[in-house]
Each structure stands twice: as C-alpha cells, then as structure tokens.
Amino acid sequence: MDRITAAQVFIAITEQRSMSKAADMLEMSRAMVTRYLAEMENWTGVRLLNRTTRSLTLTSAGEAVLTQSRELLSLATAIARPVVTEDEAVSGLVRVTCAQSLAMVALSKALVQFRARYPAVAVDVQVTNKAISLVEERIDLGIRITNNLEPNLIAKPLSRCDSVVCASPDYLEKHGYPPSPEA
C-alpha cells in the first residue's frame, strides 16, 4: 500500500475523529480506510489510536506519527519504521495505572528493574483505587485486579489472585457467622 495515501488517511481520521467521516471525506470505502490505518500501525510497529465505540484518541506514539505524517505529505518522503538496535536506547513516555496495594507489593520493584534496563523511558504512574477510563486518561498500561474487563481493550492475565473472606473471632462473636459468602 502507498505510504503517502496511508498518511493522508491517518491525518483525516485524526482530524475527523471518525473513520467513517474520514472515509466520506476521502471518498473511500470504510474498509479501505481501516486497511490503511492497519498498514500505518504495521509500518510504524506501534498502536496509533485508542478506539472505542464512541471515540478515537491518539496514543503517545500516534501523536508522533501524526507529526511525521504531516511532514511526509509536505516533503513527500517515506515514513521510516523506527528500528531499535542494541546500540540505541528505547525511549519515550509510558503511562501506567494500578491499585495502591498492587503498586506497593509488585509494581515498585518491577519499575526499578524496568528503569534500570530502559533508563531513557519515562514512566508516569497513577496509583488509584478508582476505576478510570484508560482511553480518556491516555493510559498505556492499566494493571487491574478484576474479573470485569473493559470491552474494546486488549487484556492479558498476569497472575491469579485468590480472595479469602476473613473475620476476627470478636466480630463473629458480636455479629454471628454470615449464612453465605455473599452476606
């Protein structure tokens, strides 16, 4: 596929904030717009847009590729796929969110190891026990302890978390034993 046309399609999608509107504006089929976006993500090797049924937002990488795409159209040159060799450092910003308990137990140690391995990567960590929208808050990685996964997000299990219901002897003596786990 033509990279210049793909750049035009990507710019139209971001400006229209809709793949359907971009297709109409460019007089292309919606399927063709989707294919061009998929090729852009393939060429750059990164996800460019966070997509939900209601909105499209740029990822951090998408913002950079949008700038490159605009330059590509004005200069009519190819967008080079970023190649990281052993001599080059991985860099950029990664936005992460997780619950306070998980941050204290596991994330703090993992971040120290990650920063030692990738010192040029800045990590913005949001520690909160509230469920936030990863797309709206432009979060790259959300670590959740849940069985209710958000639709339209890519989720992979990292570990199993078993729950245990506990009560002190004083509580049970005062309030009695609950008749069921739900109680």
Protein backbone atom coordinates (compact mmCIF):
# COMPACT_ATOMS: atom_id res chain seq x y z
CA MET A 1 0.00 0.00 0.00
CA ASP A 2 1.06 3.56 -0.65
CA ARG A 3 2.53 5.22 2.44
CA ILE A 4 1.63 8.73 1.32
CA THR A 5 -2.02 7.76 0.93
CA ALA A 6 -1.86 5.96 4.27
CA ALA A 7 -0.53 9.15 5.86
CA GLN A 8 -3.38 11.13 4.28
CA VAL A 9 -5.89 8.63 5.63
CA PHE A 10 -4.34 8.70 9.11
CA ILE A 11 -4.42 12.52 9.19
CA ALA A 12 -8.05 12.53 8.01
CA ILE A 13 -9.03 10.03 10.73
CA THR A 14 -7.43 12.16 13.45
CA GLU A 15 -8.89 15.43 12.13
CA GLN A 16 -12.38 14.00 11.63
CA ARG A 17 -12.17 11.93 14.86
CA SER A 18 -14.00 9.21 12.98
CA MET A 19 -13.05 6.54 10.49
CA SER A 20 -16.45 6.80 8.81
CA LYS A 21 -16.18 10.57 8.39
CA ALA A 22 -12.62 10.21 7.07
CA ALA A 23 -13.85 7.64 4.52
CA ASP A 24 -16.60 10.01 3.39
CA MET A 25 -14.21 12.97 3.18
CA LEU A 26 -11.64 10.99 1.17
CA GLU A 27 -14.32 9.29 -0.94
CA MET A 28 -13.04 5.87 0.08
CA SER A 29 -14.79 2.83 1.43
CA ARG A 30 -14.69 2.40 5.20
CA ALA A 31 -12.94 -0.92 4.71
CA MET A 32 -10.15 0.79 2.74
CA VAL A 33 -9.68 3.41 5.46
CA THR A 34 -9.44 0.60 8.03
CA ARG A 35 -6.84 -1.19 5.88
CA TYR A 36 -4.72 1.96 5.51
CA LEU A 37 -4.79 2.53 9.28
CA ALA A 38 -3.80 -1.10 9.90
CA GLU A 39 -0.90 -0.70 7.46
CA MET A 40 0.23 2.51 9.20
CA GLU A 41 0.27 0.66 12.52
CA ASN A 42 2.12 -2.23 10.88
CA TRP A 43 4.75 0.06 9.30
CA THR A 44 5.37 2.02 12.46
CA GLY A 45 5.21 -1.04 14.69
CA VAL A 46 3.01 0.71 17.27
CA ARG A 47 -0.65 1.26 18.03
CA LEU A 48 -1.63 4.76 16.83
CA LEU A 49 -5.20 5.15 18.06
CA ASN A 50 -7.20 4.05 21.06
CA ARG A 51 -10.58 3.06 19.68
CA THR A 52 -13.88 2.73 21.47
CA THR A 53 -17.40 2.66 20.08
CA ARG A 54 -17.73 6.35 20.94
CA SER A 55 -14.32 7.91 20.39
CA LEU A 56 -10.91 7.78 18.80
CA THR A 57 -7.92 9.21 20.66
CA LEU A 58 -4.27 9.32 19.71
CA THR A 59 -1.74 7.29 21.66
CA SER A 60 1.56 9.00 22.54
CA ALA A 61 3.12 7.19 19.62
CA GLY A 62 0.17 8.26 17.45
CA GLU A 63 0.90 11.91 18.19
CA ALA A 64 4.48 11.49 16.98
CA VAL A 65 3.41 9.61 13.83
CA LEU A 66 0.80 12.28 13.11
CA THR A 67 3.57 14.89 13.10
CA GLN A 68 5.67 12.66 10.84
CA SER A 69 2.69 12.06 8.55
CA ARG A 70 2.14 15.78 8.14
CA GLU A 71 5.83 16.20 7.32
CA LEU A 72 5.59 13.28 4.91
CA LEU A 73 2.82 14.95 2.98
CA SER A 74 4.67 18.24 2.79
CA LEU A 75 8.01 16.66 1.90
CA ALA A 76 6.69 13.61 0.02
CA THR A 77 9.14 11.28 1.77
CA ALA A 78 8.60 7.90 3.35
CA ILE A 79 7.85 7.33 7.00
CA ALA A 80 10.65 5.13 8.28
CA ARG A 81 9.76 2.32 10.62
CA PRO A 82 11.55 3.01 13.87
CA VAL A 83 14.28 0.41 14.20
CA VAL A 84 15.80 -0.08 17.62
CA THR A 85 19.18 -1.77 17.62
CA GLU A 86 21.18 -2.92 20.61
CA ASP A 87 23.21 0.30 20.41
CA GLU A 88 20.12 2.54 20.51
CA ALA A 89 18.08 3.15 23.63
CA VAL A 90 14.34 2.65 23.86
CA SER A 91 12.82 5.99 24.83
CA GLY A 92 9.54 7.77 25.33
CA LEU A 93 6.80 8.05 27.91
CA VAL A 94 4.74 5.16 29.28
CA ARG A 95 1.63 5.95 31.32
CA VAL A 96 0.69 3.23 33.84
CA THR A 97 -2.11 2.92 36.37
CA CYS A 98 -2.75 0.36 39.09
CA ALA A 99 -4.28 -0.07 42.52
CA GLN A 100 -2.41 1.13 45.59
CA SER A 101 -1.97 -2.36 47.06
CA LEU A 102 -0.54 -3.70 43.81
CA ALA A 103 1.77 -0.71 43.42
CA MET A 104 3.27 -1.29 46.86
CA VAL A 105 3.63 -5.06 46.53
CA ALA A 106 4.73 -5.62 42.94
CA LEU A 107 4.90 -2.53 40.76
CA SER A 108 7.55 -0.62 42.71
CA LYS A 109 10.07 -3.45 42.35
CA ALA A 110 9.19 -4.01 38.69
CA LEU A 111 9.59 -0.29 37.92
CA VAL A 112 13.07 -0.21 39.46
CA GLN A 113 14.11 -3.13 37.25
CA PHE A 114 12.43 -1.62 34.17
CA ARG A 115 14.10 1.79 34.66
CA ALA A 116 17.48 0.11 35.12
CA ARG A 117 17.03 -1.69 31.81
CA TYR A 118 15.44 1.26 29.92
CA PRO A 119 16.76 4.48 31.50
CA ALA A 120 15.55 6.66 28.60
CA VAL A 121 11.92 5.67 29.17
CA ALA A 122 9.92 7.99 31.42
CA VAL A 123 7.20 6.26 33.43
CA ASP A 124 4.16 8.18 34.63
CA VAL A 125 2.43 6.07 37.29
CA GLN A 126 -1.07 6.81 38.52
CA VAL A 127 -1.80 4.91 41.72
CA THR A 128 -5.52 4.90 42.40
CA ASN A 129 -8.11 2.51 43.72
CA LYS A 130 -10.77 4.06 41.48
CA ALA A 131 -11.53 2.56 38.07
CA ILE A 132 -10.58 5.12 35.43
CA SER A 133 -11.08 5.11 31.69
CA LEU A 134 -7.78 4.09 30.15
CA VAL A 135 -8.67 5.67 26.81
CA GLU A 136 -9.87 9.01 28.19
CA GLU A 137 -6.90 9.32 30.56
CA ARG A 138 -4.50 8.24 27.77
CA ILE A 139 -3.10 5.37 29.85
CA ASP A 140 -0.81 2.94 28.02
CA LEU A 141 -0.95 0.17 30.60
CA GLY A 142 -3.58 -0.47 33.24
CA ILE A 143 -2.92 -3.24 35.73
CA ARG A 144 -6.19 -4.38 37.23
CA ILE A 145 -7.34 -6.88 39.83
CA THR A 146 -10.74 -7.71 38.36
CA ASN A 147 -12.98 -10.20 36.68
CA ASN A 148 -14.85 -7.42 34.84
CA LEU A 149 -12.65 -6.45 31.92
CA GLU A 150 -13.45 -3.35 29.92
CA PRO A 151 -14.62 -4.18 26.39
CA ASN A 152 -12.53 -2.89 23.46
CA LEU A 153 -9.28 -3.15 25.42
CA ILE A 154 -6.58 -5.74 24.99
CA ALA A 155 -6.27 -7.68 28.23
CA LYS A 156 -3.86 -10.42 29.26
CA PRO A 157 -3.82 -12.19 32.63
CA LEU A 158 -0.58 -11.64 34.54
CA SER A 159 -1.34 -13.78 37.55
CA ARG A 160 -4.11 -15.37 39.55
CA CYS A 161 -5.43 -13.56 42.61
CA ASP A 162 -7.29 -15.73 45.11
CA SER A 163 -9.58 -13.99 47.58
CA VAL A 164 -10.19 -15.12 51.13
CA VAL A 165 -13.06 -13.99 53.35
CA CYS A 166 -11.84 -13.43 56.91
CA ALA A 167 -13.34 -12.25 60.19
CA SER A 168 -11.92 -11.81 63.65
CA PRO A 169 -13.28 -14.00 66.47
CA ASP A 170 -14.60 -10.84 68.19
CA TYR A 171 -16.56 -9.82 65.09
CA LEU A 172 -18.09 -13.28 64.72
CA GLU A 173 -18.99 -13.39 68.40
CA LYS A 174 -20.66 -9.97 68.19
CA HIS A 175 -22.40 -10.34 64.75
CA GLY A 176 -22.57 -14.10 64.27
CA TYR A 177 -21.48 -16.16 61.29
CA PRO A 178 -22.78 -14.95 57.91
CA PRO A 179 -25.13 -17.53 56.37
CA SER A 180 -23.43 -17.28 52.92
CA PRO A 181 -20.30 -15.73 51.36
CA GLU A 182 -22.50 -13.04 49.75
CA ALA A 183 -23.75 -11.95 53.18
